[in-house]
C-alpha atoms as a PDB file:
ATOM      1  CA  MET A   1      27.530-115.296-116.880  1.00  0.00           C
ATOM      2  CA  PHE A   2      30.403-117.703-117.339  1.00  0.00           C
ATOM      3  CA  ALA A   3      32.369-118.357-120.456  1.00  0.00           C
ATOM      4  CA  ILE A   4      30.693-121.534-121.684  1.00  0.00           C
ATOM      5  CA  ILE A   5      27.519-119.816-122.921  1.00  0.00           C
ATOM      6  CA  LYS A   6      27.987-119.689-126.642  1.00  0.00           C
ATOM      7  CA  MET A   7      25.740-120.243-129.639  1.00  0.00           C
ATOM      8  CA  VAL A   8      25.292-123.930-128.935  1.00  0.00           C
ATOM      9  CA  THR A   9      22.128-125.986-128.625  1.00  0.00           C
ATOM     10  CA  LYS A  10      23.544-128.810-126.556  1.00  0.00           C
ATOM     11  CA  MET A  11      26.530-129.694-124.432  1.00  0.00           C
ATOM     12  CA  LYS A  12      27.511-132.881-122.731  1.00  0.00           C
ATOM     13  CA  ILE A  13      29.195-133.342-119.351  1.00  0.00           C
ATOM     14  CA  ASP A  14      32.286-135.491-119.580  1.00  0.00           C
ATOM     15  CA  LYS A  15      33.482-135.267-116.000  1.00  0.00           C
ATOM     16  CA  ILE A  16      32.769-133.697-112.600  1.00  0.00           C
ATOM     17  CA  THR A  17      35.600-133.505-110.050  1.00  0.00           C
ATOM     18  CA  LYS A  18      35.685-132.039-106.553  1.00  0.00           C
ATOM     19  CA  GLN A  19      38.340-129.379-105.886  1.00  0.00           C
ATOM     20  CA  LYS A  20      40.391-128.838-102.727  1.00  0.00           C
ATOM     21  CA  ASN A  21      38.457-125.656-101.919  1.00  0.00           C
ATOM     22  CA  GLY A  22      35.173-127.594-101.857  1.00  0.00           C
ATOM     23  CA  LYS A  23      34.013-126.399-105.260  1.00  0.00           C
ATOM     24  CA  TYR A  24      33.497-128.636-108.287  1.00  0.00           C
ATOM     25  CA  LYS A  25      34.953-128.578-111.772  1.00  0.00           C
ATOM     26  CA  ILE A  26      32.692-129.595-114.639  1.00  0.00           C
ATOM     27  CA  ILE A  27      34.388-130.527-117.892  1.00  0.00           C
ATOM     28  CA  PHE A  28      32.221-130.487-121.013  1.00  0.00           C
ATOM     29  CA  ASN A  29      32.656-132.394-124.227  1.00  0.00           C
ATOM     30  CA  ASN A  30      33.859-129.262-126.053  1.00  0.00           C
ATOM     31  CA  LYS A  31      36.653-128.908-123.443  1.00  0.00           C
ATOM     32  CA  GLU A  32      34.943-125.943-121.782  1.00  0.00           C
ATOM     33  CA  GLN A  33      35.199-125.981-117.983  1.00  0.00           C
ATOM     34  CA  LEU A  34      33.084-124.575-115.201  1.00  0.00           C
ATOM     35  CA  ILE A  35      34.005-124.153-111.543  1.00  0.00           C
ATOM     36  CA  THR A  36      30.789-124.367-109.556  1.00  0.00           C
ATOM     37  CA  TYR A  37      29.182-125.383-106.276  1.00  0.00           C
ATOM     38  CA  ASP A  38      27.416-128.474-104.981  1.00  0.00           C
ATOM     39  CA  GLU A  39      24.208-126.413-104.686  1.00  0.00           C
ATOM     40  CA  VAL A  40      24.292-125.749-108.442  1.00  0.00           C
ATOM     41  CA  ILE A  41      24.977-129.406-109.214  1.00  0.00           C
ATOM     42  CA  LEU A  42      22.169-130.668-106.996  1.00  0.00           C
ATOM     43  CA  LYS A  43      19.667-128.009-108.071  1.00  0.00           C
ATOM     44  CA  ASN A  44      20.200-128.765-111.742  1.00  0.00           C
ATOM     45  CA  ASN A  45      20.545-132.525-111.291  1.00  0.00           C
ATOM     46  CA  LEU A  46      23.863-132.523-113.124  1.00  0.00           C
ATOM     47  CA  LEU A  47      24.999-135.894-111.830  1.00  0.00           C
ATOM     48  CA  GLN A  48      22.278-137.658-113.796  1.00  0.00           C
ATOM     49  CA  ASN A  49      21.559-135.107-116.495  1.00  0.00           C
ATOM     50  CA  LYS A  50      24.676-135.511-118.625  1.00  0.00           C
ATOM     51  CA  GLU A  51      23.370-133.754-121.735  1.00  0.00           C
ATOM     52  CA  LEU A  52      22.345-130.122-121.406  1.00  0.00           C
ATOM     53  CA  ASP A  53      20.368-127.939-123.777  1.00  0.00           C
ATOM     54  CA  TYR A  54      20.864-124.197-124.127  1.00  0.00           C
ATOM     55  CA  GLU A  55      18.102-123.373-121.638  1.00  0.00           C
ATOM     56  CA  LYS A  56      19.701-125.602-119.012  1.00  0.00           C
ATOM     57  CA  ILE A  57      23.140-124.154-119.656  1.00  0.00           C
ATOM     58  CA  HIS A  58      21.741-120.664-119.250  1.00  0.00           C
ATOM     59  CA  GLN A  59      20.093-121.608-115.952  1.00  0.00           C
ATOM     60  CA  ILE A  60      23.333-123.125-114.676  1.00  0.00           C
ATOM     61  CA  SER A  61      25.086-119.891-115.581  1.00  0.00           C
ATOM     62  CA  LEU A  62      22.579-117.824-113.595  1.00  0.00           C
ATOM     63  CA  ASP A  63      22.732-120.182-110.612  1.00  0.00           C
ATOM     64  CA  ASN A  64      26.503-120.147-110.659  1.00  0.00           C
ATOM     65  CA  GLU A  65      26.613-116.364-110.681  1.00  0.00           C
ATOM     66  CA  TYR A  66      24.173-116.265-107.755  1.00  0.00           C
ATOM     67  CA  TYR A  67      26.219-118.700-105.670  1.00  0.00           C
ATOM     68  CA  ASN A  68      29.448-116.903-106.545  1.00  0.00           C
ATOM     69  CA  ILE A  69      28.020-113.788-104.929  1.00  0.00           C
ATOM     70  CA  TYR A  70      26.352-115.698-102.101  1.00  0.00           C
ATOM     71  CA  ASN A  71      29.614-117.393-101.134  1.00  0.00           C
ATOM     72  CA  LYS A  72      31.489-114.094-101.251  1.00  0.00           C
ATOM     73  CA  VAL A  73      28.937-112.742 -98.775  1.00  0.00           C
ATOM     74  CA  LEU A  74      29.470-115.822 -96.577  1.00  0.00           C
ATOM     75  CA  LYS A  75      33.215-115.172 -96.624  1.00  0.00           C
ATOM     76  CA  TYR A  76      32.577-111.515 -95.774  1.00  0.00           C
ATOM     77  CA  ILE A  77      30.477-112.576 -92.773  1.00  0.00           C
ATOM     78  CA  SER A  78      32.993-115.227 -91.692  1.00  0.00           C
ATOM     79  CA  ILE A  79      35.510-112.499 -90.840  1.00  0.00           C
ATOM     80  CA  LYS A  80      33.112-111.049 -88.251  1.00  0.00           C
ATOM     81  CA  MET A  81      29.385-110.617 -87.651  1.00  0.00           C
ATOM     82  CA  ARG A  82      27.770-108.107 -90.021  1.00  0.00           C
ATOM     83  CA  SER A  83      24.683-105.945 -89.739  1.00  0.00           C
ATOM     84  CA  LEU A  84      21.930-105.912 -92.355  1.00  0.00           C
ATOM     85  CA  LYS A  85      23.132-102.460 -93.403  1.00  0.00           C
ATOM     86  CA  GLU A  86      26.671-103.752 -93.971  1.00  0.00           C
ATOM     87  CA  ILE A  87      25.378-106.664 -96.069  1.00  0.00           C
ATOM     88  CA  ASN A  88      23.268-104.313 -98.183  1.00  0.00           C
ATOM     89  CA  GLU A  89      26.261-102.036 -98.732  1.00  0.00           C
ATOM     90  CA  TYR A  90      28.455-105.001 -99.636  1.00  0.00           C
ATOM     91  CA  LEU A  91      25.930-106.340-102.164  1.00  0.00           C
ATOM     92  CA  LYS A  92      26.000-103.000-103.985  1.00  0.00           C
ATOM     93  CA  LYS A  93      29.409-104.038-105.295  1.00  0.00           C
ATOM     94  CA  PHE A  94      27.775-106.694-107.452  1.00  0.00           C
ATOM     95  CA  ASN A  95      25.566-106.194-110.465  1.00  0.00           C
ATOM     96  CA  ILE A  96      22.466-107.963-109.176  1.00  0.00           C
ATOM     97  CA  ASP A  97      18.846-106.858-109.131  1.00  0.00           C
ATOM     98  CA  ASP A  98      16.733-106.285-106.039  1.00  0.00           C
ATOM     99  CA  GLU A  99      15.093-109.690-106.328  1.00  0.00           C
ATOM    100  CA  GLU A 100      18.422-111.514-106.159  1.00  0.00           C
ATOM    101  CA  LYS A 101      19.583-109.268-103.325  1.00  0.00           C
ATOM    102  CA  LEU A 102      16.454-110.005-101.300  1.00  0.00           C
ATOM    103  CA  LYS A 103      16.877-113.695-102.028  1.00  0.00           C
ATOM    104  CA  ILE A 104      20.403-113.668-100.572  1.00  0.00           C
ATOM    105  CA  ILE A 105      19.370-111.608 -97.548  1.00  0.00           C
ATOM    106  CA  SER A 106      16.349-113.840 -96.870  1.00  0.00           C
ATOM    107  CA  LYS A 107      18.562-116.924 -96.995  1.00  0.00           C
ATOM    108  CA  LEU A 108      21.077-115.378 -94.596  1.00  0.00           C
ATOM    109  CA  LYS A 109      18.292-114.432 -92.187  1.00  0.00           C
ATOM    110  CA  GLU A 110      16.853-117.931 -92.435  1.00  0.00           C
ATOM    111  CA  ILE A 111      20.127-119.553 -91.378  1.00  0.00           C
ATOM    112  CA  GLY A 112      20.772-116.919 -88.681  1.00  0.00           C
ATOM    113  CA  LEU A 113      23.692-115.086 -90.297  1.00  0.00           C
ATOM    114  CA  ILE A 114      21.742-111.825 -90.336  1.00  0.00           C
ATOM    115  CA  ASN A 115      20.251-111.171 -86.921  1.00  0.00           C
ATOM    116  CA  ASP A 116      20.170-107.757 -85.283  1.00  0.00           C
ATOM    117  CA  LYS A 117      20.234-109.128 -81.751  1.00  0.00           C
ATOM    118  CA  VAL A 118      23.133-111.488 -82.391  1.00  0.00           C
ATOM    119  CA  PHE A 119      25.013-108.699 -84.176  1.00  0.00           C
ATOM    120  CA  VAL A 120      24.450-106.199 -81.359  1.00  0.00           C
ATOM    121  CA  LYS A 121      25.516-108.677 -78.674  1.00  0.00           C
ATOM    122  CA  SER A 122      28.694-109.573 -80.595  1.00  0.00           C
ATOM    123  CA  PHE A 123      29.470-105.908 -81.374  1.00  0.00           C
ATOM    124  CA  ILE A 124      29.078-104.824 -77.734  1.00  0.00           C
ATOM    125  CA  ASN A 125      31.151-107.728 -76.468  1.00  0.00           C
ATOM    126  CA  ASP A 126      34.003-106.998 -78.886  1.00  0.00           C
ATOM    127  CA  ARG A 127      34.058-103.244 -78.440  1.00  0.00           C
ATOM    128  CA  PHE A 128      33.755-103.312 -74.658  1.00  0.00           C
ATOM    129  CA  ASN A 129      36.393-105.999 -74.127  1.00  0.00           C
ATOM    130  CA  LEU A 130      38.810-105.302 -76.995  1.00  0.00           C
ATOM    131  CA  SER A 131      38.828-101.501 -77.158  1.00  0.00           C
ATOM    132  CA  ASN A 132      38.751 -98.514 -74.802  1.00  0.00           C
ATOM    133  CA  ASP A 133      35.192 -97.618 -75.838  1.00  0.00           C
ATOM    134  CA  GLY A 134      32.527 -96.987 -73.234  1.00  0.00           C
ATOM    135  CA  PRO A 135      28.793 -97.809 -73.473  1.00  0.00           C
ATOM    136  CA  LEU A 136      27.697 -94.444 -74.900  1.00  0.00           C
ATOM    137  CA  LEU A 137      30.218 -94.543 -77.741  1.00  0.00           C
ATOM    138  CA  ILE A 138      29.347 -98.175 -78.467  1.00  0.00           C
ATOM    139  CA  LYS A 139      25.679 -97.204 -78.760  1.00  0.00           C
ATOM    140  CA  LYS A 140      26.556 -94.301 -81.059  1.00  0.00           C
ATOM    141  CA  GLU A 141      28.453 -96.656 -83.377  1.00  0.00           C
ATOM    142  CA  LEU A 142      25.636 -99.216 -83.379  1.00  0.00           C
ATOM    143  CA  LEU A 143      23.089 -96.574 -84.337  1.00  0.00           C
ATOM    144  CA  LYS A 144      25.117 -96.007 -87.514  1.00  0.00           C
ATOM    145  CA  HIS A 145      24.116 -99.554 -88.490  1.00  0.00           C
ATOM    146  CA  ASP A 146      20.433 -98.555 -88.355  1.00  0.00           C
ATOM    147  CA  ILE A 147      19.869-100.839 -85.380  1.00  0.00           C
ATOM    148  CA  ASP A 148      16.784-100.228 -83.235  1.00  0.00           C
ATOM    149  CA  SER A 149      17.778 -98.204 -80.167  1.00  0.00           C
ATOM    150  CA  ASN A 150      15.707-100.445 -77.883  1.00  0.00           C
ATOM    151  CA  ILE A 151      17.665-103.518 -78.984  1.00  0.00           C
ATOM    152  CA  ILE A 152      20.948-101.708 -78.298  1.00  0.00           C
ATOM    153  CA  ASP A 153      19.813-100.610 -74.828  1.00  0.00           C
ATOM    154  CA  GLU A 154      18.616-104.126 -74.048  1.00  0.00           C
ATOM    155  CA  PHE A 155      22.113-105.570 -74.478  1.00  0.00           C
ATOM    156  CA  LEU A 156      24.030-102.598 -73.058  1.00  0.00           C
ATOM    157  CA  LYS A 157      22.157-103.193 -69.801  1.00  0.00           C
ATOM    158  CA  GLU A 158      23.829-106.593 -69.619  1.00  0.00           C
ATOM    159  CA  ILE A 159      27.217-104.943 -69.003  1.00  0.00           C
ATOM    160  CA  LYS A 160      27.781-105.177 -65.266  1.00  0.00           C
ATOM    161  CA  GLU A 161      28.474-101.996 -63.298  1.00  0.00           C
ATOM    162  CA  GLU A 162      31.472-103.763 -61.776  1.00  0.00           C
ATOM    163  CA  ASP A 163      32.933-104.398 -65.242  1.00  0.00           C
ATOM    164  CA  ILE A 164      32.463-100.745 -66.221  1.00  0.00           C
ATOM    165  CA  ASN A 165      34.176 -99.582 -63.016  1.00  0.00           C
ATOM    166  CA  ASN A 166      37.041-102.035 -63.506  1.00  0.00           C
ATOM    167  CA  LYS A 167      37.570-100.831 -67.051  1.00  0.00           C
ATOM    168  CA  LEU A 168      37.459 -97.196 -65.946  1.00  0.00           C
ATOM    169  CA  ASP A 169      39.922 -97.847 -63.124  1.00  0.00           C
ATOM    170  CA  ARG A 170      42.332 -99.493 -65.561  1.00  0.00           C
ATOM    171  CA  LEU A 171      42.148 -96.563 -68.001  1.00  0.00           C
ATOM    172  CA  ILE A 172      42.367 -93.964 -65.222  1.00  0.00           C
ATOM    173  CA  ASN A 173      45.331 -95.597 -63.506  1.00  0.00           C
ATOM    174  CA  LYS A 174      47.147 -95.820 -66.828  1.00  0.00           C
ATOM    175  CA  LYS A 175      46.722 -92.076 -67.301  1.00  0.00           C
ATOM    176  CA  ILE A 176      47.749 -91.365 -63.699  1.00  0.00           C
ATOM    177  CA  LYS A 177      50.940 -93.400 -64.073  1.00  0.00           C
ATOM    178  CA  SER A 178      51.886 -91.554 -67.246  1.00  0.00           C
ATOM    179  CA  ASN A 179      51.300 -88.157 -65.616  1.00  0.00           C
ATOM    180  CA  HIS A 180      54.484 -86.245 -64.793  1.00  0.00           C
ATOM    181  CA  LYS A 181      53.304 -82.651 -64.700  1.00  0.00           C
ATOM    182  CA  TYR A 182      49.584 -82.209 -64.036  1.00  0.00           C
ATOM    183  CA  SER A 183      48.149 -81.440 -60.615  1.00  0.00           C
ATOM    184  CA  ASN A 184      45.307 -83.609 -59.409  1.00  0.00           C
ATOM    185  CA  TYR A 185      42.886 -80.831 -60.338  1.00  0.00           C
ATOM    186  CA  LEU A 186      44.043 -80.543 -63.965  1.00  0.00           C
ATOM    187  CA  LEU A 187      44.573 -84.280 -64.270  1.00  0.00           C
ATOM    188  CA  LYS A 188      41.023 -84.896 -63.092  1.00  0.00           C
ATOM    189  CA  GLN A 189      39.696 -82.470 -65.709  1.00  0.00           C
ATOM    190  CA  LYS A 190      41.766 -84.059 -68.461  1.00  0.00           C
ATOM    191  CA  ILE A 191      40.868 -87.656 -67.564  1.00  0.00           C
ATOM    192  CA  THR A 192      37.186 -86.833 -67.188  1.00  0.00           C
ATOM    193  CA  LYS A 193      37.103 -85.162 -70.595  1.00  0.00           C
ATOM    194  CA  ASP A 194      39.061 -87.963 -72.303  1.00  0.00           C
ATOM    195  CA  LEU A 195      36.950 -90.798 -70.882  1.00  0.00           C
ATOM    196  CA  SER A 196      33.673 -88.965 -71.461  1.00  0.00           C
ATOM    197  CA  ASN A 197      34.716 -88.649 -75.112  1.00  0.00           C
ATOM    198  CA  LEU A 198      35.287 -92.414 -75.110  1.00  0.00           C
ATOM    199  CA  GLY A 199      31.655 -92.947 -74.180  1.00  0.00           C
ATOM    200  CA  PHE A 200      31.641 -93.306 -70.420  1.00  0.00           C
ATOM    201  CA  ASP A 201      29.067 -91.543 -68.248  1.00  0.00           C
ATOM    202  CA  TYR A 202      30.487 -88.214 -66.987  1.00  0.00           C
ATOM    203  CA  ASN A 203      29.444 -88.615 -63.352  1.00  0.00           C
ATOM    204  CA  THR A 204      30.652 -92.209 -63.220  1.00  0.00           C
ATOM    205  CA  VAL A 205      34.047 -91.085 -64.515  1.00  0.00           C
ATOM    206  CA  LEU A 206      34.231 -88.324 -61.884  1.00  0.00           C
ATOM    207  CA  ASN A 207      33.566 -90.812 -59.100  1.00  0.00           C
ATOM    208  CA  ARG A 208      36.152 -93.285 -60.358  1.00  0.00           C
ATOM    209  CA  VAL A 209      38.798 -90.561 -60.816  1.00  0.00           C
ATOM    210  CA  ASP A 210      38.303 -89.472 -57.201  1.00  0.00           C
ATOM    211  CA  PHE A 211      38.615 -93.099 -56.168  1.00  0.00           C
ATOM    212  CA  CYS A 212      41.868 -93.612 -58.085  1.00  0.00           C
ATOM    213  CA  LEU A 213      43.696 -90.308 -57.612  1.00  0.00           C
ATOM    214  CA  ILE A 214      46.703 -90.304 -55.314  1.00  0.00           C
ATOM    215  CA  ASN A 215      48.630 -87.566 -53.554  1.00  0.00           C
ATOM    216  CA  ASP A 216      50.228 -85.216 -56.086  1.00  0.00           C
ATOM    217  CA  ASN A 217      52.889 -83.684 -53.779  1.00  0.00           C
ATOM    218  CA  ASP A 218      55.675 -85.448 -55.661  1.00  0.00           C
ATOM    219  CA  ILE A 219      54.540 -83.863 -58.917  1.00  0.00           C
ATOM    220  CA  LEU A 220      54.262 -80.481 -57.175  1.00  0.00           C
ATOM    221  CA  LEU A 221      57.845 -80.826 -55.947  1.00  0.00           C
ATOM    222  CA  HIS A 222      59.023 -81.846 -59.407  1.00  0.00           C
ATOM    223  CA  GLU A 223      57.366 -78.807 -61.000  1.00  0.00           C
ATOM    224  CA  PHE A 224      58.700 -76.521 -58.289  1.00  0.00           C
ATOM    225  CA  ASN A 225      62.269 -77.712 -58.892  1.00  0.00           C
ATOM    226  CA  LYS A 226      61.943 -77.069 -62.633  1.00  0.00           C
ATOM    227  CA  LEU A 227      60.591 -73.578 -62.054  1.00  0.00           C
ATOM    228  CA  TYR A 228      63.159 -72.722 -59.393  1.00  0.00           C
ATOM    229  CA  LYS A 229      65.989 -73.861 -61.620  1.00  0.00           C
ATOM    230  CA  LYS A 230      64.607 -71.855 -64.510  1.00  0.00           C
ATOM    231  CA  TYR A 231      64.040 -68.557 -62.695  1.00  0.00           C
ATOM    232  CA  SER A 232      66.328 -68.468 -59.652  1.00  0.00           C
ATOM    233  CA  SER A 233      69.213 -66.948 -61.583  1.00  0.00           C
ATOM    234  CA  LYS A 234      66.975 -64.405 -63.305  1.00  0.00           C
ATOM    235  CA  LEU A 235      64.743 -63.080 -60.534  1.00  0.00           C
ATOM    236  CA  ASN A 236      65.320 -61.785 -57.020  1.00  0.00           C
ATOM    237  CA  SER A 237      63.536 -63.359 -54.051  1.00  0.00           C
ATOM    238  CA  PRO A 238      60.191 -61.486 -54.070  1.00  0.00           C
ATOM    239  CA  LYS A 239      59.767 -61.804 -57.827  1.00  0.00           C
ATOM    240  CA  LEU A 240      60.989 -65.400 -57.784  1.00  0.00           C
ATOM    241  CA  GLU A 241      58.422 -66.379 -55.163  1.00  0.00           C
ATOM    242  CA  LEU A 242      55.616 -64.639 -57.079  1.00  0.00           C
ATOM    243  CA  LYS A 243      56.619 -66.255 -60.371  1.00  0.00           C
ATOM    244  CA  VAL A 244      56.867 -69.750 -58.888  1.00  0.00           C
ATOM    245  CA  ARG A 245      53.618 -69.319 -56.956  1.00  0.00           C
ATOM    246  CA  GLN A 246      51.697 -68.099 -60.029  1.00  0.00           C
ATOM    247  CA  SER A 247      53.098 -70.817 -62.263  1.00  0.00           C
ATOM    248  CA  LEU A 248      52.231 -73.586 -59.828  1.00  0.00           C
ATOM    249  CA  TYR A 249      48.740 -72.185 -59.313  1.00  0.00           C
ATOM    250  CA  GLN A 250      48.186 -72.088 -63.094  1.00  0.00           C
ATOM    251  CA  LYS A 251      49.151 -75.759 -63.196  1.00  0.00           C
ATOM    252  CA  GLY A 252      46.212 -76.471 -60.915  1.00  0.00           C
ATOM    253  CA  PHE A 253      47.928 -77.026 -57.571  1.00  0.00           C
ATOM    254  CA  LYS A 254      46.060 -75.904 -54.484  1.00  0.00           C
ATOM    255  CA  ILE A 255      47.094 -72.701 -52.712  1.00  0.00           C
ATOM    256  CA  GLU A 256      47.555 -74.565 -49.428  1.00  0.00           C
ATOM    257  CA  GLN A 257      49.916 -77.043 -51.113  1.00  0.00           C
ATOM    258  CA  ILE A 258      51.933 -74.285 -52.717  1.00  0.00           C
ATOM    259  CA  ASN A 259      52.218 -72.232 -49.511  1.00  0.00           C
ATOM    260  CA  LYS A 260      53.342 -75.246 -47.525  1.00  0.00           C
ATOM    261  CA  LEU A 261      56.001 -76.187 -50.075  1.00  0.00           C
ATOM    262  CA  LEU A 262      57.323 -72.624 -50.421  1.00  0.00           C
ATOM    263  CA  ASP A 263      57.567 -72.341 -46.640  1.00  0.00           C
ATOM    264  CA  GLU A 264      59.472 -75.629 -46.498  1.00  0.00           C
ATOM    265  CA  LYS A 265      61.810 -74.456 -49.250  1.00  0.00           C
ATOM    266  CA  ASN A 266      62.107 -71.037 -47.643  1.00  0.00           C
ATOM    267  CA  VAL A 267      61.334 -69.270 -50.898  1.00  0.00           C
ATOM    268  CA  GLN A 268      60.648 -65.668 -49.951  1.00  0.00           C
END
């Protein structure tokens, strides 16, 4: 309710002016003011009905409260598309009954601002293109909105395989470039686990990792040099070779790689 409802039987409108924010200010003869909406003015015929009785004032108050909430919901939706569940949760903040809540939701559905299919399509588009999330994680998040699984699958199928592979290649290559210590074997395990957790299909990730991985001999040499520097002054040749060999093997390098490098470096 707004402040003008007092123990009065009648009030008269002196002036109605439009505000910069699109709302309207009504000034009454007792100097009370009301900021309201064009919907309230039109619904209650305030342009012609200058004198208002208590019943009319009360109705205006109820209408104004309704449109206050309705416009807050519109602003909430204007930030990004919202699911029905999000709208219901948002409306819990306001002290309105179920009838008013259903009225708002019905209106939003009528004008297309609540639509599961539109929401799902927008959600998938944003999450796939603006985050690192894969299809499976996107679906998991959408299910939290109580969206029908069939609707989610319908729009996830629209993501092209080529786009999924391109996204995977970008994420994989980023991880490869930042790798300075893992062998291909360990790196493959780590990348596969990380990207599977992001919602990409496990087998698809494996295939793309194999496609993107490059020779890891430079990393092997780098790790060998660190180990040799660390242990060469502490261990004699047989123990040094064993220590370096074991350490490199634990890091996931292949035995053939290690043997070849140790032979080249004459570590024995």
